[in-house]
Amino acid sequence: MSQRDHQPFQTIALLGKVNHEATRTTLFTLEQSLLKLGYQVIIESRTAEQLSGTQARVMSLLELGQHADLAIVVGGDGNMLGAARILCDFDIGVIGVNRGNLGFLTDLDPDHVLEQLKAVLAGDYQTEQRFLLQTEVIHHGQTKAVGRAINEVVLHSDKVAHMIEFEVYVDNQFVYSQRSDGLIISTPTGSTAYSLSGGGPIVVPNLHAISLVPMFPHTLSSRPIVVDATSTIKLRAATDNDDLQLSCDGHVRMKVAAGDEVIIQQHPHKLCLVHPHDHSYFRVLRNKLGWGSRLF
């Protein structure tokens, strides 16, 4: 994580949860305040539909990625993930205002957002690089689908609570074949998401690693494995499976037919997260997971 005292931001993009009253209020407050302070403000086009008569420029997510210095995402981690999958391709910082539930990725308190943003916009903040996963489905030697994820890629059945069978390879080395409900391939960012619910380890964000977490395996000897983030992971669906699905952050879904291969590796671009200067990852964990406070 880089140190404080960066260049101040000039052009600020705003985007957030659609059709959510509390988010609309925060977005309106941010827009009006930032314009009064003299910043150039861009509103993402779908977000602008919530703000009638906006005085800011309106652009698509792709366009604002090319023009803004900082994107402020108002909502939950899901909104942050959706923006991150696109904005990682651009040289832009991203910071979140928590209008969701847990909020591992959204730092700012909506009730004190202007106060917390003031120092950030002036250049007093931390930055952190988070890597994403990219995945492709190979059918008869040809790529038929691609996706990217900041949290996790999940291989699973398209039926509820249905056992599937597949092989796992890491850097072309056979690891195991497995019968389970599926497999979660997680980044450190995703280690506090679906992977955590599946019994996977919490992996600190600066660790260059990928976790492979089985979902309800058919053997007690099956355990999570952590590999280097430069590894190429290959999954091969057994030929007697029904059609499977591959999910990226629980959003993008791709069909995996019997015998198909899935290739998962690190995406070439990283997401630049911006945090207030006093951000602490372990304080976030304590607060969100209800861990004990200091004894002394």
C-alpha atoms as a PDB file:
ATOM      1  CA  MET A   1       0.000   0.000   0.000  1.00  0.00           C
ATOM      2  CA  SER A   2       1.496   3.314  -1.016  1.00  0.00           C
ATOM      3  CA  GLN A   3       2.047   6.235   1.318  1.00  0.00           C
ATOM      4  CA  ARG A   4       0.166   9.469   1.805  1.00  0.00           C
ATOM      5  CA  ASP A   5       0.665  12.891   0.142  1.00  0.00           C
ATOM      6  CA  HIS A   6      -0.351  12.186  -3.452  1.00  0.00           C
ATOM      7  CA  GLN A   7      -1.367  14.584  -6.184  1.00  0.00           C
ATOM      8  CA  PRO A   8      -4.856  15.996  -5.556  1.00  0.00           C
ATOM      9  CA  PHE A   9      -7.738  14.881  -7.757  1.00  0.00           C
ATOM     10  CA  GLN A  10      -9.358  17.231 -10.268  1.00  0.00           C
ATOM     11  CA  THR A  11     -12.060  15.317 -12.168  1.00  0.00           C
ATOM     12  CA  ILE A  12     -14.423  13.219 -10.057  1.00  0.00           C
ATOM     13  CA  ALA A  13     -16.861  10.603 -11.379  1.00  0.00           C
ATOM     14  CA  LEU A  14     -19.957   9.567  -9.425  1.00  0.00           C
ATOM     15  CA  LEU A  15     -21.852   6.308  -9.813  1.00  0.00           C
ATOM     16  CA  GLY A  16     -24.077   4.234  -7.608  1.00  0.00           C
ATOM     17  CA  LYS A  17     -26.918   1.856  -6.918  1.00  0.00           C
ATOM     18  CA  VAL A  18     -29.880   2.446  -9.220  1.00  0.00           C
ATOM     19  CA  ASN A  19     -33.316   3.154  -7.705  1.00  0.00           C
ATOM     20  CA  HIS A  20     -32.170   3.390  -4.095  1.00  0.00           C
ATOM     21  CA  GLU A  21     -33.338   6.436  -2.142  1.00  0.00           C
ATOM     22  CA  ALA A  22     -30.449   6.620   0.347  1.00  0.00           C
ATOM     23  CA  THR A  23     -27.933   6.296  -2.493  1.00  0.00           C
ATOM     24  CA  ARG A  24     -29.723   9.043  -4.434  1.00  0.00           C
ATOM     25  CA  THR A  25     -29.458  11.386  -1.450  1.00  0.00           C
ATOM     26  CA  THR A  26     -25.719  10.752  -1.060  1.00  0.00           C
ATOM     27  CA  LEU A  27     -25.091  11.163  -4.793  1.00  0.00           C
ATOM     28  CA  PHE A  28     -26.981  14.476  -4.870  1.00  0.00           C
ATOM     29  CA  THR A  29     -25.048  15.767  -1.846  1.00  0.00           C
ATOM     30  CA  LEU A  30     -21.738  14.760  -3.424  1.00  0.00           C
ATOM     31  CA  GLU A  31     -22.591  16.287  -6.805  1.00  0.00           C
ATOM     32  CA  GLN A  32     -23.665  19.650  -5.395  1.00  0.00           C
ATOM     33  CA  SER A  33     -20.794  19.879  -2.910  1.00  0.00           C
ATOM     34  CA  LEU A  34     -18.083  18.917  -5.393  1.00  0.00           C
ATOM     35  CA  LEU A  35     -19.348  21.388  -7.999  1.00  0.00           C
ATOM     36  CA  LYS A  36     -19.386  24.176  -5.406  1.00  0.00           C
ATOM     37  CA  LEU A  37     -15.814  23.309  -4.454  1.00  0.00           C
ATOM     38  CA  GLY A  38     -14.766  23.756  -8.091  1.00  0.00           C
ATOM     39  CA  TYR A  39     -14.179  20.133  -9.101  1.00  0.00           C
ATOM     40  CA  GLN A  40     -15.100  18.814 -12.519  1.00  0.00           C
ATOM     41  CA  VAL A  41     -17.845  16.243 -11.939  1.00  0.00           C
ATOM     42  CA  ILE A  42     -18.966  13.405 -14.205  1.00  0.00           C
ATOM     43  CA  ILE A  43     -22.086  11.323 -13.561  1.00  0.00           C
ATOM     44  CA  GLU A  44     -22.317   7.775 -14.938  1.00  0.00           C
ATOM     45  CA  SER A  45     -25.229   7.625 -17.387  1.00  0.00           C
ATOM     46  CA  ARG A  46     -27.434   5.093 -15.529  1.00  0.00           C
ATOM     47  CA  THR A  47     -26.748   6.899 -12.261  1.00  0.00           C
ATOM     48  CA  ALA A  48     -27.728  10.220 -13.854  1.00  0.00           C
ATOM     49  CA  GLU A  49     -31.262   8.884 -14.334  1.00  0.00           C
ATOM     50  CA  GLN A  50     -31.644   9.095 -10.535  1.00  0.00           C
ATOM     51  CA  LEU A  51     -30.548  12.740 -10.428  1.00  0.00           C
ATOM     52  CA  SER A  52     -33.003  14.870 -12.372  1.00  0.00           C
ATOM     53  CA  GLY A  53     -31.519  18.084 -13.686  1.00  0.00           C
ATOM     54  CA  THR A  54     -27.899  17.190 -12.933  1.00  0.00           C
ATOM     55  CA  GLN A  55     -25.423  19.958 -13.629  1.00  0.00           C
ATOM     56  CA  ALA A  56     -22.515  17.556 -14.190  1.00  0.00           C
ATOM     57  CA  ARG A  57     -21.392  15.935 -17.420  1.00  0.00           C
ATOM     58  CA  VAL A  58     -23.000  12.579 -18.131  1.00  0.00           C
ATOM     59  CA  MET A  59     -20.923   9.709 -19.551  1.00  0.00           C
ATOM     60  CA  SER A  60     -20.989   5.935 -19.824  1.00  0.00           C
ATOM     61  CA  LEU A  61     -18.816   3.889 -17.471  1.00  0.00           C
ATOM     62  CA  LEU A  62     -16.298   3.322 -20.265  1.00  0.00           C
ATOM     63  CA  GLU A  63     -16.163   7.038 -21.121  1.00  0.00           C
ATOM     64  CA  LEU A  64     -15.748   8.262 -17.552  1.00  0.00           C
ATOM     65  CA  GLY A  65     -12.895   5.806 -17.088  1.00  0.00           C
ATOM     66  CA  GLN A  66     -11.014   7.750 -19.749  1.00  0.00           C
ATOM     67  CA  HIS A  67     -11.696  11.218 -18.309  1.00  0.00           C
ATOM     68  CA  ALA A  68     -11.886  11.043 -14.507  1.00  0.00           C
ATOM     69  CA  ASP A  69      -9.072  10.905 -11.943  1.00  0.00           C
ATOM     70  CA  LEU A  70     -11.230   9.370  -9.229  1.00  0.00           C
ATOM     71  CA  ALA A  71     -14.464   7.369  -9.271  1.00  0.00           C
ATOM     72  CA  ILE A  72     -16.682   7.478  -6.176  1.00  0.00           C
ATOM     73  CA  VAL A  73     -18.985   4.445  -6.021  1.00  0.00           C
ATOM     74  CA  VAL A  74     -22.014   4.838  -3.742  1.00  0.00           C
ATOM     75  CA  GLY A  75     -23.621   1.532  -2.747  1.00  0.00           C
ATOM     76  CA  GLY A  76     -22.509  -1.880  -1.539  1.00  0.00           C
ATOM     77  CA  ASP A  77     -19.626  -4.121  -2.473  1.00  0.00           C
ATOM     78  CA  GLY A  78     -21.667  -5.424  -5.410  1.00  0.00           C
ATOM     79  CA  ASN A  79     -21.748  -1.963  -6.961  1.00  0.00           C
ATOM     80  CA  MET A  80     -18.028  -1.625  -6.357  1.00  0.00           C
ATOM     81  CA  LEU A  81     -17.366  -4.979  -8.041  1.00  0.00           C
ATOM     82  CA  GLY A  82     -19.396  -4.068 -11.099  1.00  0.00           C
ATOM     83  CA  ALA A  83     -17.533  -0.784 -11.529  1.00  0.00           C
ATOM     84  CA  ALA A  84     -14.158  -2.373 -10.775  1.00  0.00           C
ATOM     85  CA  ARG A  85     -14.447  -4.958 -13.544  1.00  0.00           C
ATOM     86  CA  ILE A  86     -14.611  -2.092 -16.057  1.00  0.00           C
ATOM     87  CA  LEU A  87     -12.517   0.635 -14.417  1.00  0.00           C
ATOM     88  CA  CYS A  88      -9.485  -1.615 -13.865  1.00  0.00           C
ATOM     89  CA  ASP A  89      -8.685  -1.037 -17.552  1.00  0.00           C
ATOM     90  CA  PHE A  90      -8.105   2.682 -16.901  1.00  0.00           C
ATOM     91  CA  ASP A  91      -5.658   4.754 -14.856  1.00  0.00           C
ATOM     92  CA  ILE A  92      -8.262   5.825 -12.315  1.00  0.00           C
ATOM     93  CA  GLY A  93      -8.595   5.513  -8.558  1.00  0.00           C
ATOM     94  CA  VAL A  94     -11.795   4.073  -7.072  1.00  0.00           C
ATOM     95  CA  ILE A  95     -13.223   4.752  -3.615  1.00  0.00           C
ATOM     96  CA  GLY A  96     -16.520   3.531  -2.147  1.00  0.00           C
ATOM     97  CA  VAL A  97     -19.252   5.041   0.028  1.00  0.00           C
ATOM     98  CA  ASN A  98     -21.001   2.262   1.945  1.00  0.00           C
ATOM     99  CA  ARG A  99     -24.731   2.132   1.265  1.00  0.00           C
ATOM    100  CA  GLY A 100     -24.826  -1.681   1.389  1.00  0.00           C
ATOM    101  CA  ASN A 101     -24.443  -4.301   4.110  1.00  0.00           C
ATOM    102  CA  LEU A 102     -20.965  -5.568   5.073  1.00  0.00           C
ATOM    103  CA  GLY A 103     -18.957  -3.170   2.928  1.00  0.00           C
ATOM    104  CA  PHE A 104     -15.458  -4.683   2.865  1.00  0.00           C
ATOM    105  CA  LEU A 105     -14.602  -2.564  -0.202  1.00  0.00           C
ATOM    106  CA  THR A 106     -16.573   0.603   0.577  1.00  0.00           C
ATOM    107  CA  ASP A 107     -14.673   2.688   3.130  1.00  0.00           C
ATOM    108  CA  LEU A 108     -16.567   5.939   3.499  1.00  0.00           C
ATOM    109  CA  ASP A 109     -19.417   6.493   5.950  1.00  0.00           C
ATOM    110  CA  PRO A 110     -22.339   8.173   4.107  1.00  0.00           C
ATOM    111  CA  ASP A 111     -23.161  10.246   7.185  1.00  0.00           C
ATOM    112  CA  HIS A 112     -19.677  11.812   7.179  1.00  0.00           C
ATOM    113  CA  VAL A 113     -18.739  11.424   3.524  1.00  0.00           C
ATOM    114  CA  LEU A 114     -17.819  15.061   2.791  1.00  0.00           C
ATOM    115  CA  GLU A 115     -15.655  15.310   5.884  1.00  0.00           C
ATOM    116  CA  GLN A 116     -13.806  12.085   4.995  1.00  0.00           C
ATOM    117  CA  LEU A 117     -13.461  12.992   1.314  1.00  0.00           C
ATOM    118  CA  LYS A 118     -11.932  16.399   1.948  1.00  0.00           C
ATOM    119  CA  ALA A 119      -8.480  15.068   2.811  1.00  0.00           C
ATOM    120  CA  VAL A 120      -8.637  12.405   0.087  1.00  0.00           C
ATOM    121  CA  LEU A 121      -9.433  14.958  -2.626  1.00  0.00           C
ATOM    122  CA  ALA A 122      -6.592  17.158  -1.383  1.00  0.00           C
ATOM    123  CA  GLY A 123      -4.107  14.304  -1.868  1.00  0.00           C
ATOM    124  CA  ASP A 124      -3.959  12.810   1.641  1.00  0.00           C
ATOM    125  CA  TYR A 125      -4.874   9.163   1.042  1.00  0.00           C
ATOM    126  CA  GLN A 126      -3.578   5.625   0.573  1.00  0.00           C
ATOM    127  CA  THR A 127      -3.692   3.612  -2.644  1.00  0.00           C
ATOM    128  CA  GLU A 128      -3.775  -0.135  -3.021  1.00  0.00           C
ATOM    129  CA  GLN A 129      -3.517  -2.360  -6.099  1.00  0.00           C
ATOM    130  CA  ARG A 130      -5.916  -5.328  -6.248  1.00  0.00           C
ATOM    131  CA  PHE A 131      -5.557  -7.956  -8.969  1.00  0.00           C
ATOM    132  CA  LEU A 132      -8.439  -9.547 -10.850  1.00  0.00           C
ATOM    133  CA  LEU A 133      -8.907 -12.983 -12.390  1.00  0.00           C
ATOM    134  CA  GLN A 134      -9.647 -13.551 -16.036  1.00  0.00           C
ATOM    135  CA  THR A 135     -11.213 -16.764 -17.229  1.00  0.00           C
ATOM    136  CA  GLU A 136     -12.071 -18.422 -20.511  1.00  0.00           C
ATOM    137  CA  VAL A 137     -14.120 -21.479 -21.398  1.00  0.00           C
ATOM    138  CA  ILE A 138     -12.534 -23.701 -24.057  1.00  0.00           C
ATOM    139  CA  HIS A 139     -14.833 -25.905 -26.160  1.00  0.00           C
ATOM    140  CA  HIS A 140     -13.191 -28.278 -28.672  1.00  0.00           C
ATOM    141  CA  GLY A 141     -10.024 -26.154 -28.631  1.00  0.00           C
ATOM    142  CA  GLN A 142     -11.835 -22.853 -29.239  1.00  0.00           C
ATOM    143  CA  THR A 143     -12.572 -20.051 -26.777  1.00  0.00           C
ATOM    144  CA  LYS A 144     -16.346 -19.750 -26.459  1.00  0.00           C
ATOM    145  CA  ALA A 145     -16.688 -17.399 -23.463  1.00  0.00           C
ATOM    146  CA  VAL A 146     -14.529 -15.036 -21.405  1.00  0.00           C
ATOM    147  CA  GLY A 147     -15.003 -13.185 -18.116  1.00  0.00           C
ATOM    148  CA  ARG A 148     -13.230 -11.366 -15.323  1.00  0.00           C
ATOM    149  CA  ALA A 149     -13.695 -11.224 -11.561  1.00  0.00           C
ATOM    150  CA  ILE A 150     -12.299  -9.210  -8.692  1.00  0.00           C
ATOM    151  CA  ASN A 151     -13.672 -11.558  -5.996  1.00  0.00           C
ATOM    152  CA  GLU A 152     -13.950 -15.082  -7.366  1.00  0.00           C
ATOM    153  CA  VAL A 153     -14.617 -17.445 -10.230  1.00  0.00           C
ATOM    154  CA  VAL A 154     -16.916 -20.360  -9.318  1.00  0.00           C
ATOM    155  CA  LEU A 155     -17.476 -23.609 -11.188  1.00  0.00           C
ATOM    156  CA  HIS A 156     -20.825 -25.132 -10.197  1.00  0.00           C
ATOM    157  CA  SER A 157     -23.829 -27.026 -11.464  1.00  0.00           C
ATOM    158  CA  ASP A 158     -26.792 -25.235 -12.981  1.00  0.00           C
ATOM    159  CA  LYS A 159     -28.949 -27.245 -10.559  1.00  0.00           C
ATOM    160  CA  VAL A 160     -29.305 -26.577  -6.813  1.00  0.00           C
ATOM    161  CA  ALA A 161     -27.199 -28.805  -4.489  1.00  0.00           C
ATOM    162  CA  HIS A 162     -26.012 -31.029  -7.332  1.00  0.00           C
ATOM    163  CA  MET A 163     -22.734 -32.973  -7.252  1.00  0.00           C
ATOM    164  CA  ILE A 164     -20.347 -32.453 -10.182  1.00  0.00           C
ATOM    165  CA  GLU A 165     -17.020 -34.030 -11.150  1.00  0.00           C
ATOM    166  CA  PHE A 166     -13.973 -32.249 -12.525  1.00  0.00           C
ATOM    167  CA  GLU A 167     -10.167 -32.244 -12.642  1.00  0.00           C
ATOM    168  CA  VAL A 168      -7.911 -29.455 -11.370  1.00  0.00           C
ATOM    169  CA  TYR A 169      -4.502 -28.541 -12.803  1.00  0.00           C
ATOM    170  CA  VAL A 170      -2.070 -25.820 -11.660  1.00  0.00           C
ATOM    171  CA  ASP A 171       0.540 -24.771 -14.225  1.00  0.00           C
ATOM    172  CA  ASN A 172      -0.270 -27.950 -16.184  1.00  0.00           C
ATOM    173  CA  GLN A 173       0.426 -30.146 -13.153  1.00  0.00           C
ATOM    174  CA  PHE A 174      -2.435 -32.426 -12.195  1.00  0.00           C
ATOM    175  CA  VAL A 175      -3.646 -31.669  -8.643  1.00  0.00           C
ATOM    176  CA  TYR A 176      -6.722 -33.872  -8.159  1.00  0.00           C
ATOM    177  CA  SER A 177     -10.073 -34.955  -9.499  1.00  0.00           C
ATOM    178  CA  GLN A 178     -12.978 -34.020  -7.305  1.00  0.00           C
ATOM    179  CA  ARG A 179     -16.646 -34.733  -6.716  1.00  0.00           C
ATOM    180  CA  SER A 180     -18.270 -31.763  -5.018  1.00  0.00           C
ATOM    181  CA  ASP A 181     -20.857 -29.025  -5.527  1.00  0.00           C
ATOM    182  CA  GLY A 182     -18.152 -26.966  -7.199  1.00  0.00           C
ATOM    183  CA  LEU A 183     -14.941 -25.010  -6.721  1.00  0.00           C
ATOM    184  CA  ILE A 184     -14.329 -21.380  -5.687  1.00  0.00           C
ATOM    185  CA  ILE A 185     -11.211 -19.777  -7.172  1.00  0.00           C
ATOM    186  CA  SER A 186     -10.669 -16.618  -5.134  1.00  0.00           C
ATOM    187  CA  THR A 187      -8.438 -13.547  -5.118  1.00  0.00           C
ATOM    188  CA  PRO A 188      -7.329 -12.049  -1.774  1.00  0.00           C
ATOM    189  CA  THR A 189     -10.096  -9.472  -2.252  1.00  0.00           C
ATOM    190  CA  GLY A 190     -12.625 -12.300  -2.557  1.00  0.00           C
ATOM    191  CA  SER A 191     -11.290 -14.150   0.473  1.00  0.00           C
ATOM    192  CA  THR A 192     -13.785 -12.243   2.658  1.00  0.00           C
ATOM    193  CA  ALA A 193     -16.678 -12.987   0.285  1.00  0.00           C
ATOM    194  CA  TYR A 194     -18.054 -16.319  -1.017  1.00  0.00           C
ATOM    195  CA  SER A 195     -14.772 -18.096  -0.266  1.00  0.00           C
ATOM    196  CA  LEU A 196     -15.080 -17.176   3.422  1.00  0.00           C
ATOM    197  CA  SER A 197     -18.564 -18.708   3.562  1.00  0.00           C
ATOM    198  CA  GLY A 198     -17.146 -21.881   2.016  1.00  0.00           C
ATOM    199  CA  GLY A 199     -14.473 -22.257   4.708  1.00  0.00           C
ATOM    200  CA  GLY A 200     -11.626 -20.648   2.786  1.00  0.00           C
ATOM    201  CA  PRO A 201      -8.795 -18.663   4.402  1.00  0.00           C
ATOM    202  CA  ILE A 202      -8.758 -14.897   4.843  1.00  0.00           C
ATOM    203  CA  VAL A 203      -5.894 -13.702   2.626  1.00  0.00           C
ATOM    204  CA  VAL A 204      -4.493 -10.207   3.196  1.00  0.00           C
ATOM    205  CA  PRO A 205      -4.813  -8.035   0.071  1.00  0.00           C
ATOM    206  CA  ASN A 206      -1.080  -7.556  -0.556  1.00  0.00           C
ATOM    207  CA  LEU A 207      -0.431 -11.302  -0.686  1.00  0.00           C
ATOM    208  CA  HIS A 208       0.100 -12.453  -4.274  1.00  0.00           C
ATOM    209  CA  ALA A 209      -2.023 -15.589  -4.044  1.00  0.00           C
ATOM    210  CA  ILE A 210      -5.103 -17.410  -5.333  1.00  0.00           C
ATOM    211  CA  SER A 211      -7.215 -19.703  -3.144  1.00  0.00           C
ATOM    212  CA  LEU A 212      -8.947 -22.850  -4.413  1.00  0.00           C
ATOM    213  CA  VAL A 213     -11.843 -23.696  -2.076  1.00  0.00           C
ATOM    214  CA  PRO A 214     -13.960 -26.852  -2.644  1.00  0.00           C
ATOM    215  CA  MET A 215     -17.715 -26.530  -2.175  1.00  0.00           C
ATOM    216  CA  PHE A 216     -19.136 -29.408  -0.110  1.00  0.00           C
ATOM    217  CA  PRO A 217     -16.610 -32.006  -1.339  1.00  0.00           C
ATOM    218  CA  HIS A 218     -17.491 -35.709  -1.268  1.00  0.00           C
ATOM    219  CA  THR A 219     -14.385 -36.524   0.786  1.00  0.00           C
ATOM    220  CA  LEU A 220     -13.183 -35.191   4.128  1.00  0.00           C
ATOM    221  CA  SER A 221      -9.580 -35.093   2.857  1.00  0.00           C
ATOM    222  CA  SER A 222     -10.385 -32.263   0.437  1.00  0.00           C
ATOM    223  CA  ARG A 223      -9.068 -28.935   1.748  1.00  0.00           C
ATOM    224  CA  PRO A 224      -8.518 -25.389   0.424  1.00  0.00           C
ATOM    225  CA  ILE A 225      -5.239 -24.828  -1.439  1.00  0.00           C
ATOM    226  CA  VAL A 226      -3.435 -21.490  -1.849  1.00  0.00           C
ATOM    227  CA  VAL A 227      -1.234 -21.055  -4.939  1.00  0.00           C
ATOM    228  CA  ASP A 228       0.864 -18.228  -6.350  1.00  0.00           C
ATOM    229  CA  ALA A 229      -1.141 -15.604  -8.225  1.00  0.00           C
ATOM    230  CA  THR A 230       1.020 -16.068 -11.333  1.00  0.00           C
ATOM    231  CA  SER A 231      -0.271 -19.650 -11.638  1.00  0.00           C
ATOM    232  CA  THR A 232      -2.492 -20.788 -14.487  1.00  0.00           C
ATOM    233  CA  ILE A 233      -5.377 -22.869 -13.185  1.00  0.00           C
ATOM    234  CA  LYS A 234      -7.161 -25.304 -15.482  1.00  0.00           C
ATOM    235  CA  LEU A 235     -10.423 -27.068 -14.694  1.00  0.00           C
ATOM    236  CA  ARG A 236     -11.649 -29.917 -16.868  1.00  0.00           C
ATOM    237  CA  ALA A 237     -15.280 -30.972 -16.581  1.00  0.00           C
ATOM    238  CA  ALA A 238     -15.882 -34.740 -16.611  1.00  0.00           C
ATOM    239  CA  THR A 239     -17.537 -36.037 -19.761  1.00  0.00           C
ATOM    240  CA  ASP A 240     -20.512 -37.495 -17.868  1.00  0.00           C
ATOM    241  CA  ASN A 241     -21.522 -34.181 -16.255  1.00  0.00           C
ATOM    242  CA  ASP A 242     -24.655 -32.324 -17.201  1.00  0.00           C
ATOM    243  CA  ASP A 243     -24.035 -28.745 -18.300  1.00  0.00           C
ATOM    244  CA  LEU A 244     -22.204 -26.677 -15.655  1.00  0.00           C
ATOM    245  CA  GLN A 245     -21.908 -22.967 -15.068  1.00  0.00           C
ATOM    246  CA  LEU A 246     -18.971 -20.653 -14.456  1.00  0.00           C
ATOM    247  CA  SER A 247     -19.760 -17.513 -12.453  1.00  0.00           C
ATOM    248  CA  CYS A 248     -17.589 -14.394 -12.116  1.00  0.00           C
ATOM    249  CA  ASP A 249     -18.367 -12.426  -8.928  1.00  0.00           C
ATOM    250  CA  GLY A 250     -21.786 -14.095  -8.948  1.00  0.00           C
ATOM    251  CA  HIS A 251     -22.716 -11.909 -11.911  1.00  0.00           C
ATOM    252  CA  VAL A 252     -21.332 -13.011 -15.272  1.00  0.00           C
ATOM    253  CA  ARG A 253     -22.397 -16.617 -15.972  1.00  0.00           C
ATOM    254  CA  MET A 254     -20.977 -18.850 -18.688  1.00  0.00           C
ATOM    255  CA  LYS A 255     -22.048 -22.332 -19.762  1.00  0.00           C
ATOM    256  CA  VAL A 256     -19.517 -25.152 -19.367  1.00  0.00           C
ATOM    257  CA  ALA A 257     -20.385 -28.316 -21.300  1.00  0.00           C
ATOM    258  CA  ALA A 258     -19.137 -31.807 -20.442  1.00  0.00           C
ATOM    259  CA  GLY A 259     -15.497 -32.121 -21.518  1.00  0.00           C
ATOM    260  CA  ASP A 260     -14.901 -28.346 -21.695  1.00  0.00           C
ATOM    261  CA  GLU A 261     -11.817 -26.780 -20.141  1.00  0.00           C
ATOM    262  CA  VAL A 262     -11.758 -23.624 -18.022  1.00  0.00           C
ATOM    263  CA  ILE A 263      -8.562 -21.527 -17.881  1.00  0.00           C
ATOM    264  CA  ILE A 264      -8.175 -19.041 -15.007  1.00  0.00           C
ATOM    265  CA  GLN A 265      -5.254 -16.672 -14.532  1.00  0.00           C
ATOM    266  CA  GLN A 266      -4.417 -13.194 -13.338  1.00  0.00           C
ATOM    267  CA  HIS A 267      -5.888 -10.348 -15.372  1.00  0.00           C
ATOM    268  CA  PRO A 268      -3.221  -8.037 -16.864  1.00  0.00           C
ATOM    269  CA  HIS A 269      -4.745  -4.851 -15.368  1.00  0.00           C
ATOM    270  CA  LYS A 270      -5.203  -4.092 -11.674  1.00  0.00           C
ATOM    271  CA  LEU A 271      -7.767  -2.079  -9.772  1.00  0.00           C
ATOM    272  CA  CYS A 272      -6.460   0.978  -7.927  1.00  0.00           C
ATOM    273  CA  LEU A 273      -8.394   1.314  -4.657  1.00  0.00           C
ATOM    274  CA  VAL A 274      -8.184   4.632  -2.820  1.00  0.00           C
ATOM    275  CA  HIS A 275      -8.543   4.691   0.984  1.00  0.00           C
ATOM    276  CA  PRO A 276      -8.594   7.478   3.592  1.00  0.00           C
ATOM    277  CA  HIS A 277      -5.173   8.007   5.183  1.00  0.00           C
ATOM    278  CA  ASP A 278      -6.178   6.216   8.400  1.00  0.00           C
ATOM    279  CA  HIS A 279      -7.496   3.066   6.665  1.00  0.00           C
ATOM    280  CA  SER A 280      -6.580  -0.239   8.338  1.00  0.00           C
ATOM    281  CA  TYR A 281      -7.454  -3.595   6.762  1.00  0.00           C
ATOM    282  CA  PHE A 282      -7.400  -5.363  10.121  1.00  0.00           C
ATOM    283  CA  ARG A 283      -9.701  -2.766  11.673  1.00  0.00           C
ATOM    284  CA  VAL A 284     -12.145  -3.456   8.848  1.00  0.00           C
ATOM    285  CA  LEU A 285     -11.965  -7.194   9.591  1.00  0.00           C
ATOM    286  CA  ARG A 286     -12.539  -6.615  13.313  1.00  0.00           C
ATOM    287  CA  ASN A 287     -15.547  -4.423  12.667  1.00  0.00           C
ATOM    288  CA  LYS A 288     -17.164  -6.545   9.955  1.00  0.00           C
ATOM    289  CA  LEU A 289     -16.518  -9.967  11.502  1.00  0.00           C
ATOM    290  CA  GLY A 290     -17.053  -9.027  15.143  1.00  0.00           C
ATOM    291  CA  TRP A 291     -13.561  -9.917  16.301  1.00  0.00           C
ATOM    292  CA  GLY A 292     -12.438  -9.089  19.834  1.00  0.00           C
ATOM    293  CA  SER A 293     -10.934  -5.721  20.709  1.00  0.00           C
ATOM    294  CA  ARG A 294      -7.705  -5.061  22.598  1.00  0.00           C
ATOM    295  CA  LEU A 295      -7.350  -6.634  26.041  1.00  0.00           C
ATOM    296  CA  PHE A 296      -4.940  -3.970  27.298  1.00  0.00           C
END
